[in-house]
Amino acid sequence: MFELKNDALLIDDREDLIAVLRMRFGEISGDIIQQIYEINDYSTLQALILGAANAPNWKTFLAEFKMGNESFRLVGENFNPLANDQKGWDSLDEAKEK
């Protein structure tokens, strides 16, 4: 019974990751979905969910995803979900100061 519960939790985490990726980045390839379903570690899946929620773009998330278990840092501008929206803010702030 305990094993079935653990399997259900892994399935839920995988589905959550796929859902977050689709919400953030649109449709994802079957290859990526297959790779997600091969992950059997809760910590890795939860770190990927956080990465998917915070990566500013698909390229950043994919780079972390491909690095495997040793990557998940979630620090710096690579994991600022608003980074793409903030690019013009510096020039606006400079204009206000003048």
C-alpha atoms as a PDB file:
ATOM      1  CA  MET A   1       0.000   0.000   0.000  1.00  0.00           C
ATOM      2  CA  PHE A   2       2.790   2.448   0.908  1.00  0.00           C
ATOM      3  CA  GLU A   3       4.452   1.896  -2.456  1.00  0.00           C
ATOM      4  CA  LEU A   4       1.219   2.702  -4.289  1.00  0.00           C
ATOM      5  CA  LYS A   5       0.944   5.981  -2.365  1.00  0.00           C
ATOM      6  CA  ASN A   6       4.531   6.886  -3.250  1.00  0.00           C
ATOM      7  CA  ASP A   7       3.902   6.055  -6.901  1.00  0.00           C
ATOM      8  CA  ALA A   8       0.811   8.266  -6.861  1.00  0.00           C
ATOM      9  CA  LEU A   9       2.838  11.134  -5.396  1.00  0.00           C
ATOM     10  CA  LEU A  10       5.483  10.773  -8.114  1.00  0.00           C
ATOM     11  CA  ILE A  11       2.786  10.768 -10.779  1.00  0.00           C
ATOM     12  CA  ASP A  12       1.214  13.891  -9.246  1.00  0.00           C
ATOM     13  CA  ASP A  13       4.577  15.690  -9.168  1.00  0.00           C
ATOM     14  CA  ARG A  14       5.282  14.754 -12.785  1.00  0.00           C
ATOM     15  CA  GLU A  15       1.851  15.980 -13.870  1.00  0.00           C
ATOM     16  CA  ASP A  16       2.314  19.190 -11.874  1.00  0.00           C
ATOM     17  CA  LEU A  17       5.646  19.820 -13.588  1.00  0.00           C
ATOM     18  CA  ILE A  18       4.147  19.242 -17.018  1.00  0.00           C
ATOM     19  CA  ALA A  19       1.215  21.542 -16.175  1.00  0.00           C
ATOM     20  CA  VAL A  20       3.501  24.368 -15.005  1.00  0.00           C
ATOM     21  CA  LEU A  21       5.665  24.011 -18.114  1.00  0.00           C
ATOM     22  CA  ARG A  22       2.605  24.195 -20.380  1.00  0.00           C
ATOM     23  CA  MET A  23       1.221  27.223 -18.537  1.00  0.00           C
ATOM     24  CA  ARG A  24       4.539  29.062 -18.728  1.00  0.00           C
ATOM     25  CA  PHE A  25       5.923  27.996 -22.098  1.00  0.00           C
ATOM     26  CA  GLY A  26       3.111  26.453 -24.151  1.00  0.00           C
ATOM     27  CA  GLU A  27       3.096  22.969 -25.587  1.00  0.00           C
ATOM     28  CA  ILE A  28       6.123  20.822 -24.791  1.00  0.00           C
ATOM     29  CA  SER A  29       7.575  17.954 -26.775  1.00  0.00           C
ATOM     30  CA  GLY A  30       6.811  14.316 -26.162  1.00  0.00           C
ATOM     31  CA  ASP A  31      10.525  13.749 -25.626  1.00  0.00           C
ATOM     32  CA  ILE A  32      10.588  16.132 -22.651  1.00  0.00           C
ATOM     33  CA  ILE A  33       7.433  14.529 -21.231  1.00  0.00           C
ATOM     34  CA  GLN A  34       9.062  11.104 -21.566  1.00  0.00           C
ATOM     35  CA  GLN A  35      12.155  12.345 -19.735  1.00  0.00           C
ATOM     36  CA  ILE A  36       9.993  13.793 -16.953  1.00  0.00           C
ATOM     37  CA  TYR A  37       8.252  10.442 -16.527  1.00  0.00           C
ATOM     38  CA  GLU A  38      11.635   8.753 -16.127  1.00  0.00           C
ATOM     39  CA  ILE A  39      12.412  10.851 -13.027  1.00  0.00           C
ATOM     40  CA  ASN A  40      11.822   8.836  -9.846  1.00  0.00           C
ATOM     41  CA  ASP A  41      13.116  11.275  -7.245  1.00  0.00           C
ATOM     42  CA  TYR A  42      10.735  13.606  -5.386  1.00  0.00           C
ATOM     43  CA  SER A  43      13.393  16.222  -4.667  1.00  0.00           C
ATOM     44  CA  THR A  44      14.376  16.440  -8.310  1.00  0.00           C
ATOM     45  CA  LEU A  45      10.765  16.789  -9.432  1.00  0.00           C
ATOM     46  CA  GLN A  46      10.026  19.480  -6.869  1.00  0.00           C
ATOM     47  CA  ALA A  47      13.169  21.404  -7.788  1.00  0.00           C
ATOM     48  CA  LEU A  48      12.119  21.218 -11.439  1.00  0.00           C
ATOM     49  CA  ILE A  49       8.663  22.533 -10.567  1.00  0.00           C
ATOM     50  CA  LEU A  50      10.290  25.524  -8.847  1.00  0.00           C
ATOM     51  CA  GLY A  51      12.612  25.976 -11.806  1.00  0.00           C
ATOM     52  CA  ALA A  52       9.705  25.853 -14.250  1.00  0.00           C
ATOM     53  CA  ALA A  53       7.827  28.461 -12.221  1.00  0.00           C
ATOM     54  CA  ASN A  54      10.792  30.823 -11.956  1.00  0.00           C
ATOM     55  CA  ALA A  55      12.794  30.487 -15.173  1.00  0.00           C
ATOM     56  CA  PRO A  56      12.265  33.570 -17.350  1.00  0.00           C
ATOM     57  CA  ASN A  57      12.225  31.501 -20.546  1.00  0.00           C
ATOM     58  CA  TRP A  58      12.208  27.972 -21.937  1.00  0.00           C
ATOM     59  CA  LYS A  59      15.910  28.058 -22.806  1.00  0.00           C
ATOM     60  CA  THR A  60      16.891  28.718 -19.172  1.00  0.00           C
ATOM     61  CA  PHE A  61      14.624  25.976 -17.852  1.00  0.00           C
ATOM     62  CA  LEU A  62      15.829  23.487 -20.456  1.00  0.00           C
ATOM     63  CA  ALA A  63      19.482  24.160 -19.611  1.00  0.00           C
ATOM     64  CA  GLU A  64      18.805  23.374 -15.951  1.00  0.00           C
ATOM     65  CA  PHE A  65      16.690  20.340 -16.860  1.00  0.00           C
ATOM     66  CA  LYS A  66      19.452  18.863 -18.988  1.00  0.00           C
ATOM     67  CA  MET A  67      22.064  19.363 -16.244  1.00  0.00           C
ATOM     68  CA  GLY A  68      20.367  16.756 -14.067  1.00  0.00           C
ATOM     69  CA  ASN A  69      20.227  16.470 -10.275  1.00  0.00           C
ATOM     70  CA  GLU A  70      23.353  18.504  -9.643  1.00  0.00           C
ATOM     71  CA  SER A  71      22.149  21.694 -11.259  1.00  0.00           C
ATOM     72  CA  PHE A  72      19.145  23.087  -9.421  1.00  0.00           C
ATOM     73  CA  ARG A  73      20.446  26.352  -7.983  1.00  0.00           C
ATOM     74  CA  LEU A  74      17.573  28.735  -8.677  1.00  0.00           C
ATOM     75  CA  VAL A  75      19.724  31.791  -8.010  1.00  0.00           C
ATOM     76  CA  GLY A  76      20.644  34.921  -9.919  1.00  0.00           C
ATOM     77  CA  GLU A  77      19.023  36.524 -12.920  1.00  0.00           C
ATOM     78  CA  ASN A  78      18.670  33.159 -14.659  1.00  0.00           C
ATOM     79  CA  PHE A  79      15.724  32.507 -12.339  1.00  0.00           C
ATOM     80  CA  ASN A  80      14.003  35.845 -12.311  1.00  0.00           C
ATOM     81  CA  PRO A  81      10.642  35.172 -13.975  1.00  0.00           C
ATOM     82  CA  LEU A  82      10.293  38.903 -14.712  1.00  0.00           C
ATOM     83  CA  ALA A  83      13.734  39.310 -16.282  1.00  0.00           C
ATOM     84  CA  ASN A  84      12.407  39.630 -19.814  1.00  0.00           C
ATOM     85  CA  ASP A  85       9.837  42.234 -18.718  1.00  0.00           C
ATOM     86  CA  GLN A  86      12.407  44.323 -16.839  1.00  0.00           C
ATOM     87  CA  LYS A  87      14.929  44.808 -19.639  1.00  0.00           C
ATOM     88  CA  GLY A  88      13.755  48.316 -20.475  1.00  0.00           C
ATOM     89  CA  TRP A  89      13.369  49.483 -16.883  1.00  0.00           C
ATOM     90  CA  ASP A  90      16.958  50.658 -16.482  1.00  0.00           C
ATOM     91  CA  SER A  91      16.657  53.108 -19.363  1.00  0.00           C
ATOM     92  CA  LEU A  92      13.314  54.357 -18.005  1.00  0.00           C
ATOM     93  CA  ASP A  93      14.863  54.967 -14.575  1.00  0.00           C
ATOM     94  CA  GLU A  94      17.776  56.850 -16.145  1.00  0.00           C
ATOM     95  CA  ALA A  95      15.366  59.036 -18.126  1.00  0.00           C
ATOM     96  CA  LYS A  96      13.421  59.896 -14.960  1.00  0.00           C
ATOM     97  CA  GLU A  97      16.621  60.973 -13.194  1.00  0.00           C
ATOM     98  CA  LYS A  98      17.517  63.445 -15.978  1.00  0.00           C
END
